[in-house]
PDB file of N, CA and C in Angstrom:
ATOM      1  N   MET A   1      26.973  78.661  18.777  1.00  0.00           N
ATOM      2  CA  MET A   1      27.258  78.421  17.370  1.00  0.00           C
ATOM      3  C   MET A   1      27.617  76.942  17.187  1.00  0.00           C
ATOM      4  N   PRO A   2      26.996  76.257  16.224  1.00  0.00           N
ATOM      5  CA  PRO A   2      27.293  74.836  16.031  1.00  0.00           C
ATOM      6  C   PRO A   2      28.717  74.617  15.537  1.00  0.00           C
ATOM      7  N   LEU A   3      29.238  73.456  15.860  1.00  0.00           N
ATOM      8  CA  LEU A   3      30.582  73.096  15.404  1.00  0.00           C
ATOM      9  C   LEU A   3      30.579  72.845  13.904  1.00  0.00           C
ATOM     10  N   ARG A   4      31.653  73.224  13.271  1.00  0.00           N
ATOM     11  CA  ARG A   4      31.812  72.926  11.852  1.00  0.00           C
ATOM     12  C   ARG A   4      32.241  71.475  11.699  1.00  0.00           C
ATOM     13  N   ARG A   5      31.975  70.936  10.533  1.00  0.00           N
ATOM     14  CA  ARG A   5      32.283  69.522  10.265  1.00  0.00           C
ATOM     15  C   ARG A   5      33.753  69.214  10.523  1.00  0.00           C
ATOM     16  N   TRP A   6      34.663  70.067  10.070  1.00  0.00           N
ATOM     17  CA  TRP A   6      36.089  69.784  10.255  1.00  0.00           C
ATOM     18  C   TRP A   6      36.477  69.853  11.721  1.00  0.00           C
ATOM     19  N   GLU A   7      35.768  70.684  12.517  1.00  0.00           N
ATOM     20  CA  GLU A   7      36.051  70.730  13.952  1.00  0.00           C
ATOM     21  C   GLU A   7      35.630  69.419  14.619  1.00  0.00           C
ATOM     22  N   ILE A   8      34.520  68.880  14.170  1.00  0.00           N
ATOM     23  CA  ILE A   8      34.056  67.591  14.695  1.00  0.00           C
ATOM     24  C   ILE A   8      35.037  66.491  14.307  1.00  0.00           C
ATOM     25  N   LEU A   9      35.502  66.505  13.057  1.00  0.00           N
ATOM     26  CA  LEU A   9      36.494  65.516  12.623  1.00  0.00           C
ATOM     27  C   LEU A   9      37.770  65.626  13.442  1.00  0.00           C
ATOM     28  N   LYS A  10      38.190  66.853  13.721  1.00  0.00           N
ATOM     29  CA  LYS A  10      39.398  67.064  14.518  1.00  0.00           C
ATOM     30  C   LYS A  10      39.235  66.433  15.900  1.00  0.00           C
ATOM     31  N   ARG A  11      38.090  66.687  16.526  1.00  0.00           N
ATOM     32  CA  ARG A  11      37.823  66.088  17.843  1.00  0.00           C
ATOM     33  C   ARG A  11      37.770  64.568  17.763  1.00  0.00           C
ATOM     34  N   LEU A  12      37.147  64.063  16.711  1.00  0.00           N
ATOM     35  CA  LEU A  12      37.063  62.612  16.536  1.00  0.00           C
ATOM     36  C   LEU A  12      38.448  61.996  16.409  1.00  0.00           C
ATOM     37  N   LEU A  13      39.299  62.576  15.565  1.00  0.00           N
ATOM     38  CA  LEU A  13      40.651  62.039  15.397  1.00  0.00           C
ATOM     39  C   LEU A  13      41.448  62.116  16.692  1.00  0.00           C
ATOM     40  N   GLN A  14      41.291  63.205  17.450  1.00  0.00           N
ATOM     41  CA  GLN A  14      41.984  63.323  18.738  1.00  0.00           C
ATOM     42  C   GLN A  14      41.507  62.246  19.701  1.00  0.00           C
ATOM     43  N   ARG A  15      40.206  62.001  19.714  1.00  0.00           N
ATOM     44  CA  ARG A  15      39.644  60.985  20.606  1.00  0.00           C
ATOM     45  C   ARG A  15      40.145  59.594  20.220  1.00  0.00           C
ATOM     46  N   ILE A  16      40.159  59.309  18.935  1.00  0.00           N
ATOM     47  CA  ILE A  16      40.636  58.001  18.478  1.00  0.00           C
ATOM     48  C   ILE A  16      42.102  57.822  18.843  1.00  0.00           C
ATOM     49  N   LYS A  17      42.906  58.867  18.685  1.00  0.00           N
ATOM     50  CA  LYS A  17      44.321  58.785  19.064  1.00  0.00           C
ATOM     51  C   LYS A  17      44.475  58.494  20.545  1.00  0.00           C
ATOM     52  N   ARG A  18      43.595  59.075  21.350  1.00  0.00           N
ATOM     53  CA  ARG A  18      43.663  58.859  22.791  1.00  0.00           C
ATOM     54  C   ARG A  18      43.244  57.430  23.151  1.00  0.00           C
ATOM     55  N   VAL A  19      42.181  56.959  22.531  1.00  0.00           N
ATOM     56  CA  VAL A  19      41.609  55.663  22.887  1.00  0.00           C
ATOM     57  C   VAL A  19      42.319  54.499  22.201  1.00  0.00           C
ATOM     58  N   ARG A  20      42.729  54.683  20.936  1.00  0.00           N
ATOM     59  CA  ARG A  20      43.331  53.598  20.160  1.00  0.00           C
ATOM     60  C   ARG A  20      44.642  54.057  19.551  1.00  0.00           C
ATOM     61  N   SER A  21      45.550  54.460  20.398  1.00  0.00           N
ATOM     62  CA  SER A  21      46.813  55.035  19.919  1.00  0.00           C
ATOM     63  C   SER A  21      47.590  54.075  19.014  1.00  0.00           C
ATOM     64  N   GLN A  22      47.440  52.777  19.204  1.00  0.00           N
ATOM     65  CA  GLN A  22      48.172  51.814  18.387  1.00  0.00           C
ATOM     66  C   GLN A  22      47.679  51.814  16.938  1.00  0.00           C
ATOM     67  N   ASP A  23      46.488  52.355  16.688  1.00  0.00           N
ATOM     68  CA  ASP A  23      45.905  52.333  15.344  1.00  0.00           C
ATOM     69  C   ASP A  23      45.932  53.690  14.649  1.00  0.00           C
ATOM     70  N   THR A  24      46.729  54.615  15.156  1.00  0.00           N
ATOM     71  CA  THR A  24      46.606  55.982  14.644  1.00  0.00           C
ATOM     72  C   THR A  24      47.847  56.503  13.945  1.00  0.00           C
ATOM     73  N   LYS A  25      48.610  55.631  13.323  1.00  0.00           N
ATOM     74  CA  LYS A  25      49.750  56.115  12.543  1.00  0.00           C
ATOM     75  C   LYS A  25      49.240  56.925  11.364  1.00  0.00           C
ATOM     76  N   GLN A  26      49.916  58.035  11.100  1.00  0.00           N
ATOM     77  CA  GLN A  26      49.497  58.892  10.004  1.00  0.00           C
ATOM     78  C   GLN A  26      49.575  58.130   8.690  1.00  0.00           C
ATOM     79  N   GLY A  27      48.526  58.237   7.902  1.00  0.00           N
ATOM     80  CA  GLY A  27      48.484  57.550   6.622  1.00  0.00           C
ATOM     81  C   GLY A  27      47.837  56.181   6.682  1.00  0.00           C
ATOM     82  N   ASP A  28      47.499  55.704   7.890  1.00  0.00           N
ATOM     83  CA  ASP A  28      46.881  54.388   8.039  1.00  0.00           C
ATOM     84  C   ASP A  28      45.357  54.449   8.047  1.00  0.00           C
ATOM     85  N   TRP A  29      44.808  55.620   7.862  1.00  0.00           N
ATOM     86  CA  TRP A  29      43.363  55.794   7.975  1.00  0.00           C
ATOM     87  C   TRP A  29      42.713  55.871   6.611  1.00  0.00           C
ATOM     88  N   THR A  30      41.536  55.273   6.508  1.00  0.00           N
ATOM     89  CA  THR A  30      40.685  55.445   5.342  1.00  0.00           C
ATOM     90  C   THR A  30      39.294  55.769   5.858  1.00  0.00           C
ATOM     91  N   LEU A  31      38.713  56.815   5.321  1.00  0.00           N
ATOM     92  CA  LEU A  31      37.399  57.260   5.754  1.00  0.00           C
ATOM     93  C   LEU A  31      36.398  57.009   4.643  1.00  0.00           C
ATOM     94  N   LEU A  32      35.323  56.333   4.981  1.00  0.00           N
ATOM     95  CA  LEU A  32      34.227  56.123   4.038  1.00  0.00           C
ATOM     96  C   LEU A  32      33.035  56.891   4.572  1.00  0.00           C
ATOM     97  N   HIS A  33      32.660  57.921   3.868  1.00  0.00           N
ATOM     98  CA  HIS A  33      31.445  58.646   4.233  1.00  0.00           C
ATOM     99  C   HIS A  33      30.730  59.055   2.962  1.00  0.00           C
ATOM    100  N   ASP A  34      29.477  59.430   3.123  1.00  0.00           N
ATOM    101  CA  ASP A  34      28.704  59.747   1.926  1.00  0.00           C
ATOM    102  C   ASP A  34      29.164  61.059   1.314  1.00  0.00           C
ATOM    103  N   ASN A  35      28.547  61.417   0.218  1.00  0.00           N
ATOM    104  CA  ASN A  35      28.972  62.623  -0.480  1.00  0.00           C
ATOM    105  C   ASN A  35      28.037  63.796  -0.208  1.00  0.00           C
ATOM    106  N   ALA A  36      27.506  63.856   1.010  1.00  0.00           N
ATOM    107  CA  ALA A  36      26.674  64.995   1.409  1.00  0.00           C
ATOM    108  C   ALA A  36      27.520  66.261   1.390  1.00  0.00           C
ATOM    109  N   ARG A  37      26.896  67.379   1.145  1.00  0.00           N
ATOM    110  CA  ARG A  37      27.641  68.628   0.992  1.00  0.00           C
ATOM    111  C   ARG A  37      28.568  68.936   2.167  1.00  0.00           C
ATOM    112  N   PRO A  38      28.146  68.738   3.430  1.00  0.00           N
ATOM    113  CA  PRO A  38      29.082  69.044   4.525  1.00  0.00           C
ATOM    114  C   PRO A  38      30.345  68.189   4.500  1.00  0.00           C
ATOM    115  N   HIS A  39      30.284  67.026   3.875  1.00  0.00           N
ATOM    116  CA  HIS A  39      31.434  66.120   3.841  1.00  0.00           C
ATOM    117  C   HIS A  39      32.387  66.433   2.699  1.00  0.00           C
ATOM    118  N   THR A  40      31.930  67.219   1.741  1.00  0.00           N
ATOM    119  CA  THR A  40      32.733  67.427   0.538  1.00  0.00           C
ATOM    120  C   THR A  40      33.240  68.854   0.375  1.00  0.00           C
ATOM    121  N   VAL A  41      32.955  69.720   1.325  1.00  0.00           N
ATOM    122  CA  VAL A  41      33.424  71.100   1.202  1.00  0.00           C
ATOM    123  C   VAL A  41      34.946  71.142   1.289  1.00  0.00           C
ATOM    124  N   PHE A  42      35.518  72.176   0.719  1.00  0.00           N
ATOM    125  CA  PHE A  42      36.968  72.304   0.617  1.00  0.00           C
ATOM    126  C   PHE A  42      37.659  72.208   1.979  1.00  0.00           C
ATOM    127  N   LEU A  43      37.124  72.879   3.011  1.00  0.00           N
ATOM    128  CA  LEU A  43      37.776  72.870   4.326  1.00  0.00           C
ATOM    129  C   LEU A  43      37.886  71.457   4.898  1.00  0.00           C
ATOM    130  N   VAL A  44      36.844  70.667   4.710  1.00  0.00           N
ATOM    131  CA  VAL A  44      36.871  69.286   5.208  1.00  0.00           C
ATOM    132  C   VAL A  44      37.900  68.476   4.429  1.00  0.00           C
ATOM    133  N   LYS A  45      37.903  68.611   3.112  1.00  0.00           N
ATOM    134  CA  LYS A  45      38.869  67.871   2.291  1.00  0.00           C
ATOM    135  C   LYS A  45      40.300  68.267   2.646  1.00  0.00           C
ATOM    136  N   ARG A  46      40.533  69.563   2.835  1.00  0.00           N
ATOM    137  CA  ARG A  46      41.876  70.035   3.178  1.00  0.00           C
ATOM    138  C   ARG A  46      42.296  69.511   4.554  1.00  0.00           C
ATOM    139  N   PHE A  47      41.360  69.549   5.523  1.00  0.00           N
ATOM    140  CA  PHE A  47      41.641  69.046   6.865  1.00  0.00           C
ATOM    141  C   PHE A  47      42.070  67.581   6.809  1.00  0.00           C
ATOM    142  N   LEU A  48      41.325  66.761   6.091  1.00  0.00           N
ATOM    143  CA  LEU A  48      41.635  65.333   6.004  1.00  0.00           C
ATOM    144  C   LEU A  48      42.947  65.095   5.256  1.00  0.00           C
ATOM    145  N   ALA A  49      43.201  65.870   4.220  1.00  0.00           N
ATOM    146  CA  ALA A  49      44.447  65.721   3.462  1.00  0.00           C
ATOM    147  C   ALA A  49      45.657  66.068   4.325  1.00  0.00           C
ATOM    148  N   LYS A  50      45.559  67.109   5.135  1.00  0.00           N
ATOM    149  CA  LYS A  50      46.676  67.497   6.003  1.00  0.00           C
ATOM    150  C   LYS A  50      47.006  66.397   7.001  1.00  0.00           C
ATOM    151  N   ARG A  51      46.004  65.633   7.395  1.00  0.00           N
ATOM    152  CA  ARG A  51      46.212  64.565   8.367  1.00  0.00           C
ATOM    153  C   ARG A  51      46.392  63.212   7.697  1.00  0.00           C
ATOM    154  N   VAL A  52      46.567  63.208   6.403  1.00  0.00           N
ATOM    155  CA  VAL A  52      46.805  62.010   5.596  1.00  0.00           C
ATOM    156  C   VAL A  52      45.729  60.946   5.861  1.00  0.00           C
ATOM    157  N   VAL A  53      44.474  61.392   5.843  1.00  0.00           N
ATOM    158  CA  VAL A  53      43.343  60.479   5.963  1.00  0.00           C
ATOM    159  C   VAL A  53      42.791  60.277   4.559  1.00  0.00           C
ATOM    160  N   ALA A  54      42.917  59.069   4.053  1.00  0.00           N
ATOM    161  CA  ALA A  54      42.406  58.768   2.713  1.00  0.00           C
ATOM    162  C   ALA A  54      40.887  58.710   2.753  1.00  0.00           C
ATOM    163  N   CYS A  55      40.258  59.238   1.737  1.00  0.00           N
ATOM    164  CA  CYS A  55      38.799  59.193   1.647  1.00  0.00           C
ATOM    165  C   CYS A  55      38.401  58.398   0.418  1.00  0.00           C
ATOM    166  N   LEU A  56      37.524  57.450   0.621  1.00  0.00           N
ATOM    167  CA  LEU A  56      36.988  56.697  -0.504  1.00  0.00           C
ATOM    168  C   LEU A  56      35.890  57.527  -1.143  1.00  0.00           C
ATOM    169  N   ASN A  57      35.903  57.622  -2.455  1.00  0.00           N
ATOM    170  CA  ASN A  57      34.826  58.318  -3.138  1.00  0.00           C
ATOM    171  C   ASN A  57      33.566  57.483  -3.032  1.00  0.00           C
ATOM    172  N   HIS A  58      32.534  58.076  -2.539  1.00  0.00           N
ATOM    173  CA  HIS A  58      31.277  57.372  -2.352  1.00  0.00           C
ATOM    174  C   HIS A  58      30.459  57.485  -3.629  1.00  0.00           C
ATOM    175  N   PRO A  59      29.956  56.370  -4.124  1.00  0.00           N
ATOM    176  CA  PRO A  59      29.154  56.433  -5.346  1.00  0.00           C
ATOM    177  C   PRO A  59      27.797  57.074  -5.059  1.00  0.00           C
ATOM    178  N   PRO A  60      27.081  57.465  -6.094  1.00  0.00           N
ATOM    179  CA  PRO A  60      25.716  57.949  -5.885  1.00  0.00           C
ATOM    180  C   PRO A  60      24.894  56.857  -5.209  1.00  0.00           C
ATOM    181  N   TYR A  61      23.759  57.240  -4.648  1.00  0.00           N
ATOM    182  CA  TYR A  61      22.926  56.270  -3.939  1.00  0.00           C
ATOM    183  C   TYR A  61      22.658  55.045  -4.801  1.00  0.00           C
ATOM    184  N   SER A  62      22.776  53.910  -4.183  1.00  0.00           N
ATOM    185  CA  SER A  62      22.488  52.652  -4.862  1.00  0.00           C
ATOM    186  C   SER A  62      21.853  51.704  -3.856  1.00  0.00           C
ATOM    187  N   ARG A  63      20.729  51.111  -4.224  1.00  0.00           N
ATOM    188  CA  ARG A  63      20.101  50.129  -3.332  1.00  0.00           C
ATOM    189  C   ARG A  63      21.043  48.975  -3.037  1.00  0.00           C
ATOM    190  N   ASN A  64      21.908  48.658  -3.994  1.00  0.00           N
ATOM    191  CA  ASN A  64      22.838  47.543  -3.818  1.00  0.00           C
ATOM    192  C   ASN A  64      23.902  47.839  -2.769  1.00  0.00           C
ATOM    193  N   LEU A  65      24.265  49.114  -2.613  1.00  0.00           N
ATOM    194  CA  LEU A  65      25.318  49.471  -1.669  1.00  0.00           C
ATOM    195  C   LEU A  65      24.773  50.005  -0.354  1.00  0.00           C
ATOM    196  N   SER A  66      23.491  50.285  -0.292  1.00  0.00           N
ATOM    197  CA  SER A  66      22.906  50.860   0.915  1.00  0.00           C
ATOM    198  C   SER A  66      21.742  50.011   1.412  1.00  0.00           C
ATOM    199  N   PRO A  67      21.977  48.749   1.657  1.00  0.00           N
ATOM    200  CA  PRO A  67      20.861  47.914   2.090  1.00  0.00           C
ATOM    201  C   PRO A  67      20.424  48.295   3.501  1.00  0.00           C
ATOM    202  N   PRO A  68      19.154  48.091   3.803  1.00  0.00           N
ATOM    203  CA  PRO A  68      18.660  48.456   5.131  1.00  0.00           C
ATOM    204  C   PRO A  68      19.172  47.528   6.228  1.00  0.00           C
ATOM    205  N   ASP A  69      19.916  46.492   5.883  1.00  0.00           N
ATOM    206  CA  ASP A  69      20.365  45.535   6.895  1.00  0.00           C
ATOM    207  C   ASP A  69      21.807  45.769   7.333  1.00  0.00           C
ATOM    208  N   PHE A  70      22.307  47.002   7.207  1.00  0.00           N
ATOM    209  CA  PHE A  70      23.655  47.285   7.693  1.00  0.00           C
ATOM    210  C   PHE A  70      23.718  46.862   9.158  1.00  0.00           C
ATOM    211  N   VAL A  71      24.785  46.234   9.563  1.00  0.00           N
ATOM    212  CA  VAL A  71      24.879  45.533  10.847  1.00  0.00           C
ATOM    213  C   VAL A  71      24.548  46.399  12.062  1.00  0.00           C
ATOM    214  N   LEU A  72      24.938  47.648  12.064  1.00  0.00           N
ATOM    215  CA  LEU A  72      24.775  48.453  13.272  1.00  0.00           C
ATOM    216  C   LEU A  72      23.334  48.847  13.554  1.00  0.00           C
ATOM    217  N   PHE A  73      22.634  49.287  12.539  1.00  0.00           N
ATOM    218  CA  PHE A  73      21.353  49.926  12.778  1.00  0.00           C
ATOM    219  C   PHE A  73      20.257  48.989  13.262  1.00  0.00           C
ATOM    220  N   PRO A  74      20.088  47.811  12.669  1.00  0.00           N
ATOM    221  CA  PRO A  74      19.053  46.926  13.206  1.00  0.00           C
ATOM    222  C   PRO A  74      19.329  46.513  14.651  1.00  0.00           C
ATOM    223  N   LYS A  75      20.596  46.276  14.977  1.00  0.00           N
ATOM    224  CA  LYS A  75      20.929  45.872  16.343  1.00  0.00           C
ATOM    225  C   LYS A  75      20.641  46.997  17.327  1.00  0.00           C
ATOM    226  N   LEU A  76      21.028  48.210  16.981  1.00  0.00           N
ATOM    227  CA  LEU A  76      20.755  49.355  17.851  1.00  0.00           C
ATOM    228  C   LEU A  76      19.257  49.599  17.970  1.00  0.00           C
ATOM    229  N   LYS A  77      18.581  49.547  16.851  1.00  0.00           N
ATOM    230  CA  LYS A  77      17.148  49.820  16.839  1.00  0.00           C
ATOM    231  C   LYS A  77      16.393  48.833  17.719  1.00  0.00           C
ATOM    232  N   SER A  78      16.706  47.558  17.588  1.00  0.00           N
ATOM    233  CA  SER A  78      15.978  46.567  18.380  1.00  0.00           C
ATOM    234  C   SER A  78      16.346  46.652  19.860  1.00  0.00           C
ATOM    235  N   ALA A  79      17.607  46.925  20.168  1.00  0.00           N
ATOM    236  CA  ALA A  79      18.034  46.995  21.570  1.00  0.00           C
ATOM    237  C   ALA A  79      17.484  48.229  22.280  1.00  0.00           C
ATOM    238  N   LEU A  80      17.325  49.319  21.567  1.00  0.00           N
ATOM    239  CA  LEU A  80      16.908  50.577  22.197  1.00  0.00           C
ATOM    240  C   LEU A  80      15.430  50.900  21.971  1.00  0.00           C
ATOM    241  N   LYS A  81      14.730  50.032  21.260  1.00  0.00           N
ATOM    242  CA  LYS A  81      13.327  50.282  20.931  1.00  0.00           C
ATOM    243  C   LYS A  81      12.493  50.490  22.193  1.00  0.00           C
ATOM    244  N   GLY A  82      11.700  51.547  22.178  1.00  0.00           N
ATOM    245  CA  GLY A  82      10.786  51.824  23.284  1.00  0.00           C
ATOM    246  C   GLY A  82      11.406  52.541  24.466  1.00  0.00           C
ATOM    247  N   GLN A  83      12.706  52.701  24.469  1.00  0.00           N
ATOM    248  CA  GLN A  83      13.360  53.387  25.588  1.00  0.00           C
ATOM    249  C   GLN A  83      13.304  54.890  25.379  1.00  0.00           C
ATOM    250  N   ARG A  84      13.185  55.628  26.478  1.00  0.00           N
ATOM    251  CA  ARG A  84      13.217  57.090  26.448  1.00  0.00           C
ATOM    252  C   ARG A  84      14.387  57.539  27.298  1.00  0.00           C
ATOM    253  N   PHE A  85      15.095  58.540  26.836  1.00  0.00           N
ATOM    254  CA  PHE A  85      16.271  59.024  27.545  1.00  0.00           C
ATOM    255  C   PHE A  85      16.097  60.495  27.882  1.00  0.00           C
ATOM    256  N   SER A  86      16.443  60.847  29.099  1.00  0.00           N
ATOM    257  CA  SER A  86      16.323  62.241  29.537  1.00  0.00           C
ATOM    258  C   SER A  86      17.565  63.050  29.214  1.00  0.00           C
ATOM    259  N   TYR A  87      18.692  62.372  29.109  1.00  0.00           N
ATOM    260  CA  TYR A  87      19.956  63.078  28.925  1.00  0.00           C
ATOM    261  C   TYR A  87      20.744  62.460  27.775  1.00  0.00           C
ATOM    262  N   ILE A  88      21.478  63.299  27.075  1.00  0.00           N
ATOM    263  CA  ILE A  88      22.325  62.823  25.979  1.00  0.00           C
ATOM    264  C   ILE A  88      23.330  61.802  26.494  1.00  0.00           C
ATOM    265  N   SER A  89      23.841  62.015  27.695  1.00  0.00           N
ATOM    266  CA  SER A  89      24.817  61.072  28.255  1.00  0.00           C
ATOM    267  C   SER A  89      24.214  59.674  28.413  1.00  0.00           C
ATOM    268  N   ASP A  90      22.907  59.594  28.706  1.00  0.00           N
ATOM    269  CA  ASP A  90      22.241  58.289  28.800  1.00  0.00           C
ATOM    270  C   ASP A  90      22.190  57.608  27.431  1.00  0.00           C
ATOM    271  N   ILE A  91      21.923  58.397  26.401  1.00  0.00           N
ATOM    272  CA  ILE A  91      21.901  57.850  25.040  1.00  0.00           C
ATOM    273  C   ILE A  91      23.288  57.339  24.674  1.00  0.00           C
ATOM    274  N   GLN A  92      24.302  58.167  24.935  1.00  0.00           N
ATOM    275  CA  GLN A  92      25.679  57.786  24.602  1.00  0.00           C
ATOM    276  C   GLN A  92      26.083  56.502  25.317  1.00  0.00           C
ATOM    277  N   ARG A  93      25.765  56.409  26.585  1.00  0.00           N
ATOM    278  CA  ARG A  93      26.135  55.228  27.367  1.00  0.00           C
ATOM    279  C   ARG A  93      25.438  53.976  26.824  1.00  0.00           C
ATOM    280  N   ASN A  94      24.144  54.086  26.543  1.00  0.00           N
ATOM    281  CA  ASN A  94      23.397  52.930  26.042  1.00  0.00           C
ATOM    282  C   ASN A  94      23.848  52.506  24.649  1.00  0.00           C
ATOM    283  N   VAL A  95      24.066  53.456  23.765  1.00  0.00           N
ATOM    284  CA  VAL A  95      24.526  53.125  22.416  1.00  0.00           C
ATOM    285  C   VAL A  95      25.914  52.500  22.474  1.00  0.00           C
ATOM    286  N   THR A  96      26.798  53.076  23.291  1.00  0.00           N
ATOM    287  CA  THR A  96      28.152  52.526  23.431  1.00  0.00           C
ATOM    288  C   THR A  96      28.103  51.090  23.933  1.00  0.00           C
ATOM    289  N   THR A  97      27.262  50.825  24.915  1.00  0.00           N
ATOM    290  CA  THR A  97      27.122  49.465  25.444  1.00  0.00           C
ATOM    291  C   THR A  97      26.669  48.508  24.345  1.00  0.00           C
ATOM    292  N   GLN A  98      25.673  48.919  23.568  1.00  0.00           N
ATOM    293  CA  GLN A  98      25.170  48.057  22.496  1.00  0.00           C
ATOM    294  C   GLN A  98      26.227  47.807  21.427  1.00  0.00           C
ATOM    295  N   LEU A  99      26.976  48.845  21.067  1.00  0.00           N
ATOM    296  CA  LEU A  99      28.014  48.681  20.042  1.00  0.00           C
ATOM    297  C   LEU A  99      29.140  47.774  20.528  1.00  0.00           C
ATOM    298  N   LYS A 100      29.476  47.869  21.806  1.00  0.00           N
ATOM    299  CA  LYS A 100      30.525  47.003  22.354  1.00  0.00           C
ATOM    300  C   LYS A 100      30.082  45.547  22.400  1.00  0.00           C
ATOM    301  N   ASP A 101      28.769  45.320  22.453  1.00  0.00           N
ATOM    302  CA  ASP A 101      28.251  43.954  22.486  1.00  0.00           C
ATOM    303  C   ASP A 101      28.291  43.266  21.120  1.00  0.00           C
ATOM    304  N   ILE A 102      28.479  44.039  20.057  1.00  0.00           N
ATOM    305  CA  ILE A 102      28.583  43.438  18.721  1.00  0.00           C
ATOM    306  C   ILE A 102      29.983  42.845  18.592  1.00  0.00           C
ATOM    307  N   PRO A 103      30.099  41.556  18.308  1.00  0.00           N
ATOM    308  CA  PRO A 103      31.426  40.940  18.196  1.00  0.00           C
ATOM    309  C   PRO A 103      32.240  41.564  17.060  1.00  0.00           C
ATOM    310  N   LYS A 104      33.556  41.556  17.217  1.00  0.00           N
ATOM    311  CA  LYS A 104      34.437  42.133  16.197  1.00  0.00           C
ATOM    312  C   LYS A 104      34.203  41.501  14.834  1.00  0.00           C
ATOM    313  N   ASP A 105      33.939  40.205  14.809  1.00  0.00           N
ATOM    314  CA  ASP A 105      33.719  39.570  13.511  1.00  0.00           C
ATOM    315  C   ASP A 105      32.422  40.053  12.864  1.00  0.00           C
ATOM    316  N   GLY A 106      31.486  40.558  13.668  1.00  0.00           N
ATOM    317  CA  GLY A 106      30.268  41.152  13.106  1.00  0.00           C
ATOM    318  C   GLY A 106      30.584  42.400  12.310  1.00  0.00           C
ATOM    319  N   TYR A 107      31.469  43.238  12.851  1.00  0.00           N
ATOM    320  CA  TYR A 107      31.904  44.432  12.124  1.00  0.00           C
ATOM    321  C   TYR A 107      32.680  44.034  10.868  1.00  0.00           C
ATOM    322  N   ALA A 108      33.598  43.102  11.026  1.00  0.00           N
ATOM    323  CA  ALA A 108      34.419  42.669   9.891  1.00  0.00           C
ATOM    324  C   ALA A 108      33.536  42.099   8.783  1.00  0.00           C
ATOM    325  N   ARG A 109      32.562  41.283   9.161  1.00  0.00           N
ATOM    326  CA  ARG A 109      31.658  40.676   8.179  1.00  0.00           C
ATOM    327  C   ARG A 109      30.844  41.761   7.457  1.00  0.00           C
ATOM    328  N   SER A 110      30.411  42.757   8.217  1.00  0.00           N
ATOM    329  CA  SER A 110      29.631  43.843   7.633  1.00  0.00           C
ATOM    330  C   SER A 110      30.422  44.591   6.569  1.00  0.00           C
ATOM    331  N   PHE A 111      31.689  44.910   6.877  1.00  0.00           N
ATOM    332  CA  PHE A 111      32.501  45.635   5.910  1.00  0.00           C
ATOM    333  C   PHE A 111      32.917  44.745   4.742  1.00  0.00           C
ATOM    334  N   GLN A 112      33.072  43.460   4.985  1.00  0.00           N
ATOM    335  CA  GLN A 112      33.348  42.533   3.886  1.00  0.00           C
ATOM    336  C   GLN A 112      32.145  42.460   2.950  1.00  0.00           C
ATOM    337  N   ASP A 113      30.942  42.443   3.535  1.00  0.00           N
ATOM    338  CA  ASP A 113      29.730  42.444   2.712  1.00  0.00           C
ATOM    339  C   ASP A 113      29.635  43.720   1.879  1.00  0.00           C
ATOM    340  N   LEU A 114      29.959  44.857   2.491  1.00  0.00           N
ATOM    341  CA  LEU A 114      29.951  46.125   1.760  1.00  0.00           C
ATOM    342  C   LEU A 114      30.944  46.068   0.600  1.00  0.00           C
ATOM    343  N   TYR A 115      32.131  45.534   0.859  1.00  0.00           N
ATOM    344  CA  TYR A 115      33.146  45.403  -0.195  1.00  0.00           C
ATOM    345  C   TYR A 115      32.629  44.501  -1.318  1.00  0.00           C
ATOM    346  N   SER A 116      32.028  43.373  -0.950  1.00  0.00           N
ATOM    347  CA  SER A 116      31.508  42.438  -1.962  1.00  0.00           C
ATOM    348  C   SER A 116      30.424  43.098  -2.807  1.00  0.00           C
ATOM    349  N   ARG A 117      29.524  43.844  -2.153  1.00  0.00           N
ATOM    350  CA  ARG A 117      28.465  44.525  -2.903  1.00  0.00           C
ATOM    351  C   ARG A 117      29.053  45.577  -3.841  1.00  0.00           C
ATOM    352  N   SER A 118      30.078  46.301  -3.369  1.00  0.00           N
ATOM    353  CA  SER A 118      30.683  47.329  -4.229  1.00  0.00           C
ATOM    354  C   SER A 118      31.379  46.680  -5.427  1.00  0.00           C
ATOM    355  N   GLN A 119      32.042  45.536  -5.219  1.00  0.00           N
ATOM    356  CA  GLN A 119      32.687  44.833  -6.329  1.00  0.00           C
ATOM    357  C   GLN A 119      31.655  44.359  -7.348  1.00  0.00           C
ATOM    358  N   LYS A 120      30.525  43.872  -6.848  1.00  0.00           N
ATOM    359  CA  LYS A 120      29.453  43.436  -7.747  1.00  0.00           C
ATOM    360  C   LYS A 120      28.960  44.617  -8.580  1.00  0.00           C
ATOM    361  N   CYS A 121      28.800  45.760  -7.935  1.00  0.00           N
ATOM    362  CA  CYS A 121      28.336  46.963  -8.628  1.00  0.00           C
ATOM    363  C   CYS A 121      29.342  47.391  -9.699  1.00  0.00           C
ATOM    364  N   ILE A 122      30.629  47.280  -9.388  1.00  0.00           N
ATOM    365  CA  ILE A 122      31.677  47.624 -10.359  1.00  0.00           C
ATOM    366  C   ILE A 122      31.637  46.661 -11.539  1.00  0.00           C
ATOM    367  N   THR A 123      31.490  45.372 -11.243  1.00  0.00           N
ATOM    368  CA  THR A 123      31.463  44.343 -12.286  1.00  0.00           C
ATOM    369  C   THR A 123      30.324  44.572 -13.273  1.00  0.00           C
ATOM    370  N   ILE A 124      29.151  44.917 -12.756  1.00  0.00           N
ATOM    371  CA  ILE A 124      28.001  45.124 -13.648  1.00  0.00           C
ATOM    372  C   ILE A 124      27.877  46.585 -14.086  1.00  0.00           C
ATOM    373  N   GLU A 125      28.926  47.352 -13.814  1.00  0.00           N
ATOM    374  CA  GLU A 125      29.023  48.753 -14.221  1.00  0.00           C
ATOM    375  C   GLU A 125      27.842  49.583 -13.752  1.00  0.00           C
ATOM    376  N   GLY A 126      27.424  49.317 -12.516  1.00  0.00           N
ATOM    377  CA  GLY A 126      26.393  50.128 -11.880  1.00  0.00           C
ATOM    378  C   GLY A 126      24.971  49.838 -12.297  1.00  0.00           C
ATOM    379  N   ASP A 127      24.767  48.866 -13.166  1.00  0.00           N
ATOM    380  CA  ASP A 127      23.403  48.559 -13.632  1.00  0.00           C
ATOM    381  C   ASP A 127      22.715  47.588 -12.705  1.00  0.00           C
TER     382      ASP A 127
END
């Protein structure tokens, strides 16, 4: 039986607490995810609320907020292009290596760009 979304979130939060305990104070988290049905069901919302994880409301699809140049995907795509993996663990190891190679300022710049695009969208009232 597949894991439910809230079970996956629970495992994710436990893993983050284990790996980055200094960043896991209750109430210090903000989650940005899309508004797909599995992300918005009552059980998921209740789970996140109990753990004081703030969720940003995601706007409807917008080309301005979902550009194809998000920092992670082009880097992963180009680094892993043409490779075939026999085991999920090989995929996990390779993706983890590629993500660790992205400098911290690359992540920060990416989220700053997302913030700037969202502010622009707010200013022009979504038009």
